Amino acid sequence: MNQPDGEILTLDEVAVYLKAGKKTVYRLAQQGEIPGFKLGGTWRFRRTELDRWIAAQIADKTQDKT
């Protein structure tokens, strides 16, 4: 199945995608550490924004080592 660029993920799906706990993803979203938005009181996340966030996290870690 093809994934559209603007695919929207739920908190549970993001937890699986990041291999993190749901509480961790929720906390990161609440603190504004991870890109997301609320829709009807529940968190939603764009896969493309998560991918950019992941790339930025990796870049930051790489720069810290140099």
Protein backbone atom coordinates (compact mmCIF):
# COMPACT_ATOMS: atom_id res chain seq x y z
CA MET A 1 0.00 0.00 0.00
CA ASN A 2 1.39 3.40 -0.97
CA GLN A 3 1.77 5.92 1.83
CA PRO A 4 0.76 9.48 0.91
CA ASP A 5 3.24 12.22 1.80
CA GLY A 6 0.83 13.81 4.25
CA GLU A 7 -0.01 10.59 6.09
CA ILE A 8 -1.39 11.33 9.54
CA LEU A 9 -0.48 8.98 12.39
CA THR A 10 -2.06 8.44 15.78
CA LEU A 11 -0.10 8.46 19.02
CA ASP A 12 -0.17 4.64 19.09
CA GLU A 13 1.16 4.45 15.52
CA VAL A 14 3.94 6.93 16.31
CA ALA A 15 4.94 4.88 19.35
CA VAL A 16 5.31 1.82 17.11
CA TYR A 17 7.08 3.84 14.39
CA LEU A 18 9.61 5.27 16.87
CA LYS A 19 9.81 2.06 18.90
CA ALA A 20 9.00 4.11 21.99
CA GLY A 21 6.38 3.89 24.70
CA LYS A 22 3.05 5.65 24.26
CA LYS A 23 3.65 7.66 27.44
CA THR A 24 7.01 8.83 26.10
CA VAL A 25 5.49 9.97 22.80
CA TYR A 26 2.65 11.72 24.67
CA ARG A 27 5.12 13.52 26.95
CA LEU A 28 7.29 14.61 24.01
CA ALA A 29 4.21 15.94 22.21
CA GLN A 30 2.95 17.78 25.30
CA GLN A 31 6.36 19.41 25.77
CA GLY A 32 6.59 20.41 22.10
CA GLU A 33 9.68 18.25 21.60
CA ILE A 34 8.11 16.26 18.77
CA PRO A 35 6.01 17.75 15.93
CA GLY A 36 2.32 17.06 16.38
CA PHE A 37 -1.10 18.62 16.73
CA LYS A 38 -4.33 17.92 18.53
CA LEU A 39 -7.46 17.02 16.62
CA GLY A 40 -10.58 16.66 18.71
CA GLY A 41 -8.49 16.31 21.86
CA THR A 42 -6.26 13.53 20.52
CA TRP A 43 -2.71 13.83 19.24
CA ARG A 44 -1.98 13.42 15.52
CA PHE A 45 1.36 13.49 13.72
CA ARG A 46 2.44 13.88 10.08
CA ARG A 47 4.87 11.14 9.03
CA THR A 48 6.90 13.60 6.93
CA GLU A 49 7.36 15.94 9.91
CA LEU A 50 8.40 13.02 12.11
CA ASP A 51 10.95 11.94 9.50
CA ARG A 52 12.40 15.48 9.44
CA TRP A 53 12.46 15.53 13.26
CA ILE A 54 14.29 12.19 13.32
CA ALA A 55 16.85 13.46 10.78
CA ALA A 56 17.40 16.59 12.88
CA GLN A 57 17.92 14.49 16.02
CA ILE A 58 20.51 12.38 14.21
CA ALA A 59 22.26 15.49 12.84
CA ASP A 60 22.38 17.04 16.33
CA LYS A 61 23.93 13.88 17.79
CA THR A 62 26.49 13.76 14.97
CA GLN A 63 27.47 17.42 15.50
CA ASP A 64 27.82 16.86 19.25
CA LYS A 65 30.42 14.15 18.60
CA THR A 66 32.62 16.36 16.42
